[in-house]
PDB file of N, CA and C in Angstrom:
ATOM      1  N   MET A   1       0.848  -1.179   0.000  1.00  0.00           N
ATOM      2  CA  MET A   1       0.000   0.000   0.000  1.00  0.00           C
ATOM      3  C   MET A   1       0.893   1.243   0.000  1.00  0.00           C
ATOM      4  N   LEU A   2       0.581   2.182  -0.887  1.00  0.00           N
ATOM      5  CA  LEU A   2       1.331   3.436  -0.950  1.00  0.00           C
ATOM      6  C   LEU A   2       0.888   4.377   0.159  1.00  0.00           C
ATOM      7  N   VAL A   3       1.850   5.109   0.690  1.00  0.00           N
ATOM      8  CA  VAL A   3       1.558   5.998   1.813  1.00  0.00           C
ATOM      9  C   VAL A   3       0.540   7.079   1.434  1.00  0.00           C
ATOM     10  N   LYS A   4       0.522   7.512   0.178  1.00  0.00           N
ATOM     11  CA  LYS A   4      -0.438   8.548  -0.223  1.00  0.00           C
ATOM     12  C   LYS A   4      -1.882   8.070  -0.077  1.00  0.00           C
ATOM     13  N   ASN A   5      -2.095   6.750  -0.110  1.00  0.00           N
ATOM     14  CA  ASN A   5      -3.443   6.215   0.057  1.00  0.00           C
ATOM     15  C   ASN A   5      -3.888   6.198   1.514  1.00  0.00           C
ATOM     16  N   TRP A   6      -2.954   6.406   2.422  1.00  0.00           N
ATOM     17  CA  TRP A   6      -3.274   6.446   3.849  1.00  0.00           C
ATOM     18  C   TRP A   6      -3.453   7.878   4.341  1.00  0.00           C
ATOM     19  N   MET A   7      -3.051   8.826   3.522  1.00  0.00           N
ATOM     20  CA  MET A   7      -3.011  10.210   3.962  1.00  0.00           C
ATOM     21  C   MET A   7      -4.087  11.040   3.271  1.00  0.00           C
ATOM     22  N   SER A   8      -4.323  12.225   3.814  1.00  0.00           N
ATOM     23  CA  SER A   8      -5.319  13.145   3.278  1.00  0.00           C
ATOM     24  C   SER A   8      -4.634  14.307   2.568  1.00  0.00           C
ATOM     25  N   LYS A   9      -5.239  14.796   1.478  1.00  0.00           N
ATOM     26  CA  LYS A   9      -4.718  15.987   0.818  1.00  0.00           C
ATOM     27  C   LYS A   9      -5.265  17.255   1.463  1.00  0.00           C
ATOM     28  N   ASN A  10      -6.280  17.139   2.301  1.00  0.00           N
ATOM     29  CA  ASN A  10      -6.850  18.286   3.003  1.00  0.00           C
ATOM     30  C   ASN A  10      -6.024  18.534   4.260  1.00  0.00           C
ATOM     31  N   VAL A  11      -4.891  19.166   4.083  1.00  0.00           N
ATOM     32  CA  VAL A  11      -3.913  19.309   5.158  1.00  0.00           C
ATOM     33  C   VAL A  11      -4.177  20.569   5.971  1.00  0.00           C
ATOM     34  N   VAL A  12      -4.146  20.402   7.277  1.00  0.00           N
ATOM     35  CA  VAL A  12      -4.221  21.530   8.197  1.00  0.00           C
ATOM     36  C   VAL A  12      -2.786  21.957   8.450  1.00  0.00           C
ATOM     37  N   THR A  13      -2.478  23.207   8.137  1.00  0.00           N
ATOM     38  CA  THR A  13      -1.125  23.715   8.315  1.00  0.00           C
ATOM     39  C   THR A  13      -1.156  24.958   9.199  1.00  0.00           C
ATOM     40  N   ILE A  14       0.030  25.399   9.563  1.00  0.00           N
ATOM     41  CA  ILE A  14       0.153  26.619  10.348  1.00  0.00           C
ATOM     42  C   ILE A  14       1.287  27.442   9.764  1.00  0.00           C
ATOM     43  N   ASP A  15       1.180  28.737   9.874  1.00  0.00           N
ATOM     44  CA  ASP A  15       2.223  29.641   9.385  1.00  0.00           C
ATOM     45  C   ASP A  15       3.313  29.774  10.444  1.00  0.00           C
ATOM     46  N   ALA A  16       4.535  29.940   9.994  1.00  0.00           N
ATOM     47  CA  ALA A  16       5.685  30.055  10.900  1.00  0.00           C
ATOM     48  C   ALA A  16       5.539  31.221  11.877  1.00  0.00           C
ATOM     49  N   ASN A  17       4.780  32.244  11.518  1.00  0.00           N
ATOM     50  CA  ASN A  17       4.614  33.412  12.378  1.00  0.00           C
ATOM     51  C   ASN A  17       3.384  33.337  13.273  1.00  0.00           C
ATOM     52  N   ASP A  18       2.624  32.257  13.188  1.00  0.00           N
ATOM     53  CA  ASP A  18       1.482  32.079  14.088  1.00  0.00           C
ATOM     54  C   ASP A  18       1.987  31.753  15.485  1.00  0.00           C
ATOM     55  N   SER A  19       1.097  31.825  16.449  1.00  0.00           N
ATOM     56  CA  SER A  19       1.479  31.624  17.851  1.00  0.00           C
ATOM     57  C   SER A  19       1.277  30.181  18.307  1.00  0.00           C
ATOM     58  N   MET A  20       1.875  29.876  19.445  1.00  0.00           N
ATOM     59  CA  MET A  20       1.660  28.569  20.075  1.00  0.00           C
ATOM     60  C   MET A  20       0.182  28.363  20.366  1.00  0.00           C
ATOM     61  N   GLN A  21      -0.491  29.417  20.754  1.00  0.00           N
ATOM     62  CA  GLN A  21      -1.915  29.335  21.055  1.00  0.00           C
ATOM     63  C   GLN A  21      -2.699  28.916  19.805  1.00  0.00           C
ATOM     64  N   ASP A  22      -2.327  29.469  18.648  1.00  0.00           N
ATOM     65  CA  ASP A  22      -2.980  29.085  17.387  1.00  0.00           C
ATOM     66  C   ASP A  22      -2.760  27.600  17.102  1.00  0.00           C
ATOM     67  N   ALA A  23      -1.531  27.134  17.298  1.00  0.00           N
ATOM     68  CA  ALA A  23      -1.205  25.729  17.036  1.00  0.00           C
ATOM     69  C   ALA A  23      -1.974  24.800  17.964  1.00  0.00           C
ATOM     70  N   THR A  24      -2.026  25.142  19.227  1.00  0.00           N
ATOM     71  CA  THR A  24      -2.756  24.328  20.203  1.00  0.00           C
ATOM     72  C   THR A  24      -4.224  24.206  19.806  1.00  0.00           C
ATOM     73  N   ARG A  25      -4.815  25.321  19.398  1.00  0.00           N
ATOM     74  CA  ARG A  25      -6.216  25.327  18.984  1.00  0.00           C
ATOM     75  C   ARG A  25      -6.421  24.422  17.765  1.00  0.00           C
ATOM     76  N   LEU A  26      -5.543  24.527  16.767  1.00  0.00           N
ATOM     77  CA  LEU A  26      -5.680  23.711  15.552  1.00  0.00           C
ATOM     78  C   LEU A  26      -5.535  22.216  15.839  1.00  0.00           C
ATOM     79  N   LEU A  27      -4.567  21.862  16.669  1.00  0.00           N
ATOM     80  CA  LEU A  27      -4.378  20.445  17.007  1.00  0.00           C
ATOM     81  C   LEU A  27      -5.618  19.880  17.681  1.00  0.00           C
ATOM     82  N   LYS A  28      -6.166  20.625  18.628  1.00  0.00           N
ATOM     83  CA  LYS A  28      -7.362  20.155  19.337  1.00  0.00           C
ATOM     84  C   LYS A  28      -8.581  20.140  18.428  1.00  0.00           C
ATOM     85  N   GLU A  29      -8.748  21.196  17.664  1.00  0.00           N
ATOM     86  CA  GLU A  29      -9.909  21.329  16.786  1.00  0.00           C
ATOM     87  C   GLU A  29      -9.983  20.203  15.748  1.00  0.00           C
ATOM     88  N   HIS A  30      -8.834  19.774  15.247  1.00  0.00           N
ATOM     89  CA  HIS A  30      -8.796  18.756  14.194  1.00  0.00           C
ATOM     90  C   HIS A  30      -8.365  17.382  14.694  1.00  0.00           C
ATOM     91  N   ASP A  31      -8.126  17.277  15.998  1.00  0.00           N
ATOM     92  CA  ASP A  31      -7.730  16.010  16.626  1.00  0.00           C
ATOM     93  C   ASP A  31      -6.537  15.376  15.908  1.00  0.00           C
ATOM     94  N   ILE A  32      -5.470  16.176  15.762  1.00  0.00           N
ATOM     95  CA  ILE A  32      -4.242  15.723  15.126  1.00  0.00           C
ATOM     96  C   ILE A  32      -3.059  15.979  16.059  1.00  0.00           C
ATOM     97  N   ARG A  33      -1.886  15.398  15.736  1.00  0.00           N
ATOM     98  CA  ARG A  33      -0.715  15.504  16.610  1.00  0.00           C
ATOM     99  C   ARG A  33       0.413  16.345  16.027  1.00  0.00           C
ATOM    100  N   MET A  34       0.332  16.670  14.740  1.00  0.00           N
ATOM    101  CA  MET A  34       1.428  17.360  14.081  1.00  0.00           C
ATOM    102  C   MET A  34       0.879  18.339  13.053  1.00  0.00           C
ATOM    103  N   LEU A  35       1.536  19.491  12.937  1.00  0.00           N
ATOM    104  CA  LEU A  35       1.167  20.481  11.929  1.00  0.00           C
ATOM    105  C   LEU A  35       2.370  20.801  11.050  1.00  0.00           C
ATOM    106  N   PRO A  36       2.220  20.700   9.746  1.00  0.00           N
ATOM    107  CA  PRO A  36       3.265  21.216   8.871  1.00  0.00           C
ATOM    108  C   PRO A  36       3.314  22.742   9.019  1.00  0.00           C
ATOM    109  N   VAL A  37       4.509  23.283   9.087  1.00  0.00           N
ATOM    110  CA  VAL A  37       4.688  24.728   9.242  1.00  0.00           C
ATOM    111  C   VAL A  37       5.075  25.294   7.883  1.00  0.00           C
ATOM    112  N   MET A  38       4.318  26.290   7.451  1.00  0.00           N
ATOM    113  CA  MET A  38       4.501  26.851   6.120  1.00  0.00           C
ATOM    114  C   MET A  38       4.987  28.303   6.202  1.00  0.00           C
ATOM    115  N   LYS A  39       5.754  28.680   5.190  1.00  0.00           N
ATOM    116  CA  LYS A  39       6.150  30.075   5.016  1.00  0.00           C
ATOM    117  C   LYS A  39       6.162  30.321   3.513  1.00  0.00           C
ATOM    118  N   LYS A  40       5.317  31.237   3.060  1.00  0.00           N
ATOM    119  CA  LYS A  40       5.185  31.532   1.636  1.00  0.00           C
ATOM    120  C   LYS A  40       4.935  30.261   0.819  1.00  0.00           C
ATOM    121  N   ASN A  41       3.983  29.461   1.281  1.00  0.00           N
ATOM    122  CA  ASN A  41       3.574  28.212   0.614  1.00  0.00           C
ATOM    123  C   ASN A  41       4.683  27.178   0.506  1.00  0.00           C
ATOM    124  N   LYS A  42       5.675  27.251   1.373  1.00  0.00           N
ATOM    125  CA  LYS A  42       6.760  26.276   1.380  1.00  0.00           C
ATOM    126  C   LYS A  42       6.840  25.640   2.767  1.00  0.00           C
ATOM    127  N   LEU A  43       7.032  24.324   2.783  1.00  0.00           N
ATOM    128  CA  LEU A  43       7.196  23.616   4.049  1.00  0.00           C
ATOM    129  C   LEU A  43       8.548  23.999   4.654  1.00  0.00           C
ATOM    130  N   VAL A  44       8.517  24.571   5.853  1.00  0.00           N
ATOM    131  CA  VAL A  44       9.762  24.987   6.517  1.00  0.00           C
ATOM    132  C   VAL A  44       9.987  24.270   7.836  1.00  0.00           C
ATOM    133  N   GLY A  45       8.975  23.526   8.295  1.00  0.00           N
ATOM    134  CA  GLY A  45       9.123  22.825   9.561  1.00  0.00           C
ATOM    135  C   GLY A  45       7.879  22.057   9.929  1.00  0.00           C
ATOM    136  N   ILE A  46       7.943  21.464  11.110  1.00  0.00           N
ATOM    137  CA  ILE A  46       6.766  20.833  11.701  1.00  0.00           C
ATOM    138  C   ILE A  46       6.727  21.212  13.174  1.00  0.00           C
ATOM    139  N   VAL A  47       5.538  21.215  13.718  1.00  0.00           N
ATOM    140  CA  VAL A  47       5.366  21.414  15.151  1.00  0.00           C
ATOM    141  C   VAL A  47       4.387  20.348  15.633  1.00  0.00           C
ATOM    142  N   THR A  48       4.748  19.713  16.738  1.00  0.00           N
ATOM    143  CA  THR A  48       3.932  18.627  17.277  1.00  0.00           C
ATOM    144  C   THR A  48       3.326  19.030  18.608  1.00  0.00           C
ATOM    145  N   ASP A  49       2.367  18.223  19.052  1.00  0.00           N
ATOM    146  CA  ASP A  49       1.793  18.465  20.372  1.00  0.00           C
ATOM    147  C   ASP A  49       2.877  18.379  21.439  1.00  0.00           C
ATOM    148  N   ARG A  50       3.850  17.525  21.250  1.00  0.00           N
ATOM    149  CA  ARG A  50       4.959  17.394  22.201  1.00  0.00           C
ATOM    150  C   ARG A  50       5.811  18.673  22.236  1.00  0.00           C
ATOM    151  N   ASP A  51       6.078  19.262  21.072  1.00  0.00           N
ATOM    152  CA  ASP A  51       6.824  20.519  21.015  1.00  0.00           C
ATOM    153  C   ASP A  51       6.114  21.612  21.812  1.00  0.00           C
ATOM    154  N   LEU A  52       4.802  21.671  21.648  1.00  0.00           N
ATOM    155  CA  LEU A  52       4.014  22.691  22.343  1.00  0.00           C
ATOM    156  C   LEU A  52       4.024  22.473  23.853  1.00  0.00           C
ATOM    157  N   LYS A  53       3.890  21.222  24.277  1.00  0.00           N
ATOM    158  CA  LYS A  53       3.914  20.919  25.710  1.00  0.00           C
ATOM    159  C   LYS A  53       5.275  21.250  26.311  1.00  0.00           C
ATOM    160  N   LYS A  54       6.328  20.897  25.597  1.00  0.00           N
ATOM    161  CA  LYS A  54       7.684  21.164  26.068  1.00  0.00           C
ATOM    162  C   LYS A  54       7.930  22.669  26.211  1.00  0.00           C
ATOM    163  N   ALA A  55       7.546  23.442  25.202  1.00  0.00           N
ATOM    164  CA  ALA A  55       7.734  24.893  25.242  1.00  0.00           C
ATOM    165  C   ALA A  55       6.861  25.532  26.310  1.00  0.00           C
ATOM    166  N   SER A  56       5.643  25.031  26.479  1.00  0.00           N
ATOM    167  CA  SER A  56       4.746  25.571  27.495  1.00  0.00           C
ATOM    168  C   SER A  56       5.289  25.339  28.890  1.00  0.00           C
ATOM    169  N   ALA A  57       5.788  24.143  29.126  1.00  0.00           N
ATOM    170  CA  ALA A  57       6.305  23.818  30.459  1.00  0.00           C
ATOM    171  C   ALA A  57       7.517  24.664  30.801  1.00  0.00           C
ATOM    172  N   SER A  58       8.437  24.839  29.874  1.00  0.00           N
ATOM    173  CA  SER A  58       9.648  25.587  30.176  1.00  0.00           C
ATOM    174  C   SER A  58       9.368  27.067  30.359  1.00  0.00           C
ATOM    175  N   ASP A  59       8.416  27.596  29.627  1.00  0.00           N
ATOM    176  CA  ASP A  59       8.122  29.017  29.717  1.00  0.00           C
ATOM    177  C   ASP A  59       7.119  29.352  30.819  1.00  0.00           C
ATOM    178  N   ALA A  60       6.424  28.351  31.320  1.00  0.00           N
ATOM    179  CA  ALA A  60       5.339  28.619  32.244  1.00  0.00           C
ATOM    180  C   ALA A  60       5.580  28.119  33.661  1.00  0.00           C
ATOM    181  N   THR A  61       6.741  27.607  33.959  1.00  0.00           N
ATOM    182  CA  THR A  61       6.945  26.959  35.246  1.00  0.00           C
ATOM    183  C   THR A  61       6.698  27.868  36.433  1.00  0.00           C
ATOM    184  N   SER A  62       6.995  29.137  36.326  1.00  0.00           N
ATOM    185  CA  SER A  62       6.817  30.026  37.472  1.00  0.00           C
ATOM    186  C   SER A  62       5.624  30.966  37.309  1.00  0.00           C
ATOM    187  N   LEU A  63       4.779  30.708  36.315  1.00  0.00           N
ATOM    188  CA  LEU A  63       3.661  31.608  36.048  1.00  0.00           C
ATOM    189  C   LEU A  63       2.376  31.149  36.729  1.00  0.00           C
ATOM    190  N   GLU A  64       1.575  32.128  37.098  1.00  0.00           N
ATOM    191  CA  GLU A  64       0.225  31.856  37.580  1.00  0.00           C
ATOM    192  C   GLU A  64      -0.651  31.556  36.364  1.00  0.00           C
ATOM    193  N   ILE A  65      -1.775  30.919  36.595  1.00  0.00           N
ATOM    194  CA  ILE A  65      -2.633  30.493  35.488  1.00  0.00           C
ATOM    195  C   ILE A  65      -3.081  31.664  34.614  1.00  0.00           C
ATOM    196  N   ASP A  66      -3.370  32.814  35.223  1.00  0.00           N
ATOM    197  CA  ASP A  66      -3.811  33.960  34.427  1.00  0.00           C
ATOM    198  C   ASP A  66      -2.672  34.580  33.624  1.00  0.00           C
ATOM    199  N   GLU A  67      -1.431  34.315  34.006  1.00  0.00           N
ATOM    200  CA  GLU A  67      -0.270  34.816  33.271  1.00  0.00           C
ATOM    201  C   GLU A  67       0.147  33.872  32.137  1.00  0.00           C
ATOM    202  N   LEU A  68      -0.382  32.685  32.126  1.00  0.00           N
ATOM    203  CA  LEU A  68       0.027  31.657  31.179  1.00  0.00           C
ATOM    204  C   LEU A  68      -0.347  31.988  29.736  1.00  0.00           C
ATOM    205  N   LEU A  69      -1.479  32.618  29.509  1.00  0.00           N
ATOM    206  CA  LEU A  69      -1.938  32.888  28.151  1.00  0.00           C
ATOM    207  C   LEU A  69      -1.042  33.862  27.408  1.00  0.00           C
ATOM    208  N   TYR A  70      -0.383  34.772  28.115  1.00  0.00           N
ATOM    209  CA  TYR A  70       0.464  35.737  27.420  1.00  0.00           C
ATOM    210  C   TYR A  70       1.594  35.072  26.650  1.00  0.00           C
ATOM    211  N   PRO A  71       2.419  34.214  27.267  1.00  0.00           N
ATOM    212  CA  PRO A  71       3.484  33.588  26.471  1.00  0.00           C
ATOM    213  C   PRO A  71       2.938  32.696  25.361  1.00  0.00           C
ATOM    214  N   LEU A  72       1.828  32.026  25.606  1.00  0.00           N
ATOM    215  CA  LEU A  72       1.260  31.158  24.574  1.00  0.00           C
ATOM    216  C   LEU A  72       0.806  31.950  23.357  1.00  0.00           C
ATOM    217  N   SER A  73       0.437  33.200  23.578  1.00  0.00           N
ATOM    218  CA  SER A  73      -0.023  34.014  22.454  1.00  0.00           C
ATOM    219  C   SER A  73       1.111  34.794  21.794  1.00  0.00           C
ATOM    220  N   THR A  74       2.279  34.866  22.439  1.00  0.00           N
ATOM    221  CA  THR A  74       3.377  35.653  21.867  1.00  0.00           C
ATOM    222  C   THR A  74       4.518  34.811  21.294  1.00  0.00           C
ATOM    223  N   ILE A  75       4.699  33.595  21.762  1.00  0.00           N
ATOM    224  CA  ILE A  75       5.767  32.746  21.231  1.00  0.00           C
ATOM    225  C   ILE A  75       5.352  32.258  19.850  1.00  0.00           C
ATOM    226  N   LYS A  76       6.210  32.490  18.884  1.00  0.00           N
ATOM    227  CA  LYS A  76       5.920  32.130  17.499  1.00  0.00           C
ATOM    228  C   LYS A  76       6.331  30.689  17.216  1.00  0.00           C
ATOM    229  N   ILE A  77       5.598  30.060  16.322  1.00  0.00           N
ATOM    230  CA  ILE A  77       5.868  28.678  15.933  1.00  0.00           C
ATOM    231  C   ILE A  77       7.296  28.518  15.428  1.00  0.00           C
ATOM    232  N   LYS A  78       7.790  29.507  14.683  1.00  0.00           N
ATOM    233  CA  LYS A  78       9.140  29.411  14.136  1.00  0.00           C
ATOM    234  C   LYS A  78      10.204  29.290  15.222  1.00  0.00           C
ATOM    235  N   GLU A  79       9.875  29.677  16.456  1.00  0.00           N
ATOM    236  CA  GLU A  79      10.822  29.597  17.562  1.00  0.00           C
ATOM    237  C   GLU A  79      10.899  28.191  18.169  1.00  0.00           C
ATOM    238  N   ILE A  80       9.880  27.374  17.957  1.00  0.00           N
ATOM    239  CA  ILE A  80       9.852  26.058  18.603  1.00  0.00           C
ATOM    240  C   ILE A  80       9.737  24.889  17.622  1.00  0.00           C
ATOM    241  N   MET A  81       9.531  25.169  16.341  1.00  0.00           N
ATOM    242  CA  MET A  81       9.317  24.106  15.351  1.00  0.00           C
ATOM    243  C   MET A  81      10.615  23.349  15.075  1.00  0.00           C
ATOM    244  N   THR A  82      10.449  22.166  14.515  1.00  0.00           N
ATOM    245  CA  THR A  82      11.575  21.415  13.968  1.00  0.00           C
ATOM    246  C   THR A  82      11.761  21.901  12.542  1.00  0.00           C
ATOM    247  N   LYS A  83      12.925  22.478  12.269  1.00  0.00           N
ATOM    248  CA  LYS A  83      13.196  23.025  10.936  1.00  0.00           C
ATOM    249  C   LYS A  83      13.631  21.917   9.980  1.00  0.00           C
ATOM    250  N   ASP A  84      13.336  22.130   8.700  1.00  0.00           N
ATOM    251  CA  ASP A  84      13.722  21.186   7.648  1.00  0.00           C
ATOM    252  C   ASP A  84      13.411  19.740   8.035  1.00  0.00           C
ATOM    253  N   PRO A  85      12.129  19.437   8.243  1.00  0.00           N
ATOM    254  CA  PRO A  85      11.768  18.095   8.712  1.00  0.00           C
ATOM    255  C   PRO A  85      12.055  17.011   7.678  1.00  0.00           C
ATOM    256  N   ILE A  86      12.225  15.816   8.181  1.00  0.00           N
ATOM    257  CA  ILE A  86      12.328  14.636   7.317  1.00  0.00           C
ATOM    258  C   ILE A  86      10.968  14.449   6.662  1.00  0.00           C
ATOM    259  N   THR A  87      10.961  14.221   5.363  1.00  0.00           N
ATOM    260  CA  THR A  87       9.713  13.987   4.637  1.00  0.00           C
ATOM    261  C   THR A  87       9.825  12.677   3.871  1.00  0.00           C
ATOM    262  N   VAL A  88       8.691  12.185   3.428  1.00  0.00           N
ATOM    263  CA  VAL A  88       8.673  10.998   2.570  1.00  0.00           C
ATOM    264  C   VAL A  88       7.821  11.316   1.343  1.00  0.00           C
ATOM    265  N   PRO A  89       8.154  10.726   0.204  1.00  0.00           N
ATOM    266  CA  PRO A  89       7.354  10.955  -1.006  1.00  0.00           C
ATOM    267  C   PRO A  89       6.071  10.126  -0.975  1.00  0.00           C
ATOM    268  N   PRO A  90       5.041  10.562  -1.685  1.00  0.00           N
ATOM    269  CA  PRO A  90       3.757   9.852  -1.659  1.00  0.00           C
ATOM    270  C   PRO A  90       3.801   8.464  -2.275  1.00  0.00           C
ATOM    271  N   ASP A  91       4.810   8.162  -3.087  1.00  0.00           N
ATOM    272  CA  ASP A  91       4.872   6.844  -3.703  1.00  0.00           C
ATOM    273  C   ASP A  91       5.658   5.829  -2.870  1.00  0.00           C
ATOM    274  N   TYR A  92       6.049   6.200  -1.657  1.00  0.00           N
ATOM    275  CA  TYR A  92       6.657   5.228  -0.743  1.00  0.00           C
ATOM    276  C   TYR A  92       5.583   4.261  -0.252  1.00  0.00           C
ATOM    277  N   THR A  93       5.990   3.037  -0.029  1.00  0.00           N
ATOM    278  CA  THR A  93       5.071   2.076   0.572  1.00  0.00           C
ATOM    279  C   THR A  93       5.025   2.334   2.076  1.00  0.00           C
ATOM    280  N   ALA A  94       4.050   1.729   2.721  1.00  0.00           N
ATOM    281  CA  ALA A  94       3.950   1.850   4.177  1.00  0.00           C
ATOM    282  C   ALA A  94       5.223   1.311   4.835  1.00  0.00           C
ATOM    283  N   GLU A  95       5.768   0.242   4.273  1.00  0.00           N
ATOM    284  CA  GLU A  95       6.986  -0.349   4.826  1.00  0.00           C
ATOM    285  C   GLU A  95       8.188   0.585   4.679  1.00  0.00           C
ATOM    286  N   GLU A  96       8.329   1.215   3.512  1.00  0.00           N
ATOM    287  CA  GLU A  96       9.427   2.164   3.304  1.00  0.00           C
ATOM    288  C   GLU A  96       9.304   3.356   4.253  1.00  0.00           C
ATOM    289  N   THR A  97       8.087   3.834   4.417  1.00  0.00           N
ATOM    290  CA  THR A  97       7.847   4.951   5.325  1.00  0.00           C
ATOM    291  C   THR A  97       8.163   4.554   6.759  1.00  0.00           C
ATOM    292  N   ALA A  98       7.735   3.376   7.159  1.00  0.00           N
ATOM    293  CA  ALA A  98       8.031   2.893   8.510  1.00  0.00           C
ATOM    294  C   ALA A  98       9.533   2.817   8.745  1.00  0.00           C
ATOM    295  N   ARG A  99      10.285   2.393   7.752  1.00  0.00           N
ATOM    296  CA  ARG A  99      11.749   2.312   7.873  1.00  0.00           C
ATOM    297  C   ARG A  99      12.349   3.701   8.096  1.00  0.00           C
ATOM    298  N   VAL A 100      11.860   4.700   7.360  1.00  0.00           N
ATOM    299  CA  VAL A 100      12.348   6.078   7.536  1.00  0.00           C
ATOM    300  C   VAL A 100      12.069   6.553   8.959  1.00  0.00           C
ATOM    301  N   LEU A 101      10.855   6.301   9.436  1.00  0.00           N
ATOM    302  CA  LEU A 101      10.477   6.737  10.781  1.00  0.00           C
ATOM    303  C   LEU A 101      11.319   6.036  11.841  1.00  0.00           C
ATOM    304  N   LEU A 102      11.499   4.730  11.684  1.00  0.00           N
ATOM    305  CA  LEU A 102      12.311   3.976  12.651  1.00  0.00           C
ATOM    306  C   LEU A 102      13.767   4.422  12.641  1.00  0.00           C
ATOM    307  N   ASP A 103      14.336   4.580  11.457  1.00  0.00           N
ATOM    308  CA  ASP A 103      15.734   4.990  11.343  1.00  0.00           C
ATOM    309  C   ASP A 103      15.970   6.375  11.941  1.00  0.00           C
ATOM    310  N   ALA A 104      15.011   7.270  11.747  1.00  0.00           N
ATOM    311  CA  ALA A 104      15.145   8.638  12.267  1.00  0.00           C
ATOM    312  C   ALA A 104      14.650   8.763  13.703  1.00  0.00           C
ATOM    313  N   LYS A 105      14.034   7.692  14.221  1.00  0.00           N
ATOM    314  CA  LYS A 105      13.479   7.692  15.575  1.00  0.00           C
ATOM    315  C   LYS A 105      12.461   8.822  15.775  1.00  0.00           C
ATOM    316  N   ILE A 106      11.542   8.906  14.813  1.00  0.00           N
ATOM    317  CA  ILE A 106      10.470   9.895  14.878  1.00  0.00           C
ATOM    318  C   ILE A 106       9.129   9.182  14.723  1.00  0.00           C
ATOM    319  N   SER A 107       8.061   9.856  15.143  1.00  0.00           N
ATOM    320  CA  SER A 107       6.744   9.219  15.109  1.00  0.00           C
ATOM    321  C   SER A 107       5.924   9.588  13.884  1.00  0.00           C
ATOM    322  N   GLY A 108       6.375  10.546  13.116  1.00  0.00           N
ATOM    323  CA  GLY A 108       5.632  10.940  11.931  1.00  0.00           C
ATOM    324  C   GLY A 108       6.472  11.841  11.052  1.00  0.00           C
ATOM    325  N   ALA A 109       6.087  11.919   9.785  1.00  0.00           N
ATOM    326  CA  ALA A 109       6.781  12.776   8.831  1.00  0.00           C
ATOM    327  C   ALA A 109       5.779  13.249   7.788  1.00  0.00           C
ATOM    328  N   PRO A 110       5.897  14.491   7.362  1.00  0.00           N
ATOM    329  CA  PRO A 110       5.021  14.955   6.284  1.00  0.00           C
ATOM    330  C   PRO A 110       5.295  14.172   4.999  1.00  0.00           C
ATOM    331  N   VAL A 111       4.229  13.904   4.273  1.00  0.00           N
ATOM    332  CA  VAL A 111       4.343  13.253   2.968  1.00  0.00           C
ATOM    333  C   VAL A 111       4.283  14.378   1.943  1.00  0.00           C
ATOM    334  N   VAL A 112       5.370  14.557   1.195  1.00  0.00           N
ATOM    335  CA  VAL A 112       5.489  15.703   0.296  1.00  0.00           C
ATOM    336  C   VAL A 112       5.834  15.235  -1.104  1.00  0.00           C
ATOM    337  N   ASP A 113       5.072  15.724  -2.072  1.00  0.00           N
ATOM    338  CA  ASP A 113       5.354  15.455  -3.473  1.00  0.00           C
ATOM    339  C   ASP A 113       6.234  16.589  -3.984  1.00  0.00           C
ATOM    340  N   HIS A 114       7.469  16.300  -4.320  1.00  0.00           N
ATOM    341  CA  HIS A 114       8.438  17.311  -4.733  1.00  0.00           C
ATOM    342  C   HIS A 114       8.561  17.466  -6.242  1.00  0.00           C
ATOM    343  N   GLN A 115       7.653  16.862  -7.004  1.00  0.00           N
ATOM    344  CA  GLN A 115       7.739  16.990  -8.461  1.00  0.00           C
ATOM    345  C   GLN A 115       7.719  18.460  -8.851  1.00  0.00           C
ATOM    346  N   GLU A 116       8.390  18.771  -9.945  1.00  0.00           N
ATOM    347  CA  GLU A 116       8.582  20.154 -10.407  1.00  0.00           C
ATOM    348  C   GLU A 116       7.303  20.994 -10.378  1.00  0.00           C
ATOM    349  N   ASN A 117       6.243  20.507 -10.974  1.00  0.00           N
ATOM    350  CA  ASN A 117       5.019  21.296 -11.079  1.00  0.00           C
ATOM    351  C   ASN A 117       3.919  20.824 -10.140  1.00  0.00           C
ATOM    352  N   LYS A 118       4.263  19.984  -9.193  1.00  0.00           N
ATOM    353  CA  LYS A 118       3.234  19.403  -8.335  1.00  0.00           C
ATOM    354  C   LYS A 118       3.753  19.331  -6.908  1.00  0.00           C
ATOM    355  N   ARG A 119       3.548  20.377  -6.145  1.00  0.00           N
ATOM    356  CA  ARG A 119       4.000  20.402  -4.760  1.00  0.00           C
ATOM    357  C   ARG A 119       2.775  20.233  -3.866  1.00  0.00           C
ATOM    358  N   GLU A 120       2.587  19.045  -3.369  1.00  0.00           N
ATOM    359  CA  GLU A 120       1.450  18.761  -2.500  1.00  0.00           C
ATOM    360  C   GLU A 120       1.987  18.227  -1.178  1.00  0.00           C
ATOM    361  N   ILE A 121       1.253  18.525  -0.140  1.00  0.00           N
ATOM    362  CA  ILE A 121       1.573  17.976   1.174  1.00  0.00           C
ATOM    363  C   ILE A 121       0.372  17.158   1.610  1.00  0.00           C
ATOM    364  N   TYR A 122       0.638  15.971   2.094  1.00  0.00           N
ATOM    365  CA  TYR A 122      -0.400  15.101   2.619  1.00  0.00           C
ATOM    366  C   TYR A 122      -0.290  15.103   4.137  1.00  0.00           C
ATOM    367  N   SER A 123      -1.368  14.800   4.796  1.00  0.00           N
ATOM    368  CA  SER A 123      -1.371  14.774   6.249  1.00  0.00           C
ATOM    369  C   SER A 123      -2.138  13.546   6.725  1.00  0.00           C
ATOM    370  N   GLU A 124      -1.997  13.300   8.052  1.00  0.00           N
ATOM    371  CA  GLU A 124      -2.740  12.181   8.611  1.00  0.00           C
ATOM    372  C   GLU A 124      -4.227  12.410   8.358  1.00  0.00           C
ATOM    373  N   LYS A 125      -4.961  11.347   8.115  1.00  0.00           N
ATOM    374  CA  LYS A 125      -6.384  11.471   7.847  1.00  0.00           C
ATOM    375  C   LYS A 125      -7.113  11.949   9.098  1.00  0.00           C
ATOM    376  N   ILE A 126      -8.007  12.894   8.890  1.00  0.00           N
ATOM    377  CA  ILE A 126      -8.786  13.468   9.992  1.00  0.00           C
ATOM    378  C   ILE A 126     -10.116  12.735  10.044  1.00  0.00           C
ATOM    379  N   ASN A 127     -10.477  12.289  11.245  1.00  0.00           N
ATOM    380  CA  ASN A 127     -11.720  11.519  11.409  1.00  0.00           C
ATOM    381  C   ASN A 127     -12.941  12.371  11.173  1.00  0.00           C
TER     382      ASN A 127
END
């Protein structure tokens, strides 16, 4: 089975200049774990629920609950994202994709079609 058949073309993405608060809302709203980060229609990174939790904990350890929303609304995704993420092409099989994930010790990777005139990003299927 090709990985593109497991993924959706209706990808939820986030802009590199959006806030952590925006990312948290999108992840919850769409029940997903990872967002491709875009800048000028180009994939520049990924941000995961784990990235957001890690950044929230480090920035919020001494804050009161009412003070917590300020850093979440001001920290930009580009400050916490994984830059230049590992990607896989849509014509990889599930086995080839699994090998990439295992070798890189990651739980997911954007599926990106890099053909000259066809730049598409696939994402995990949304229920």
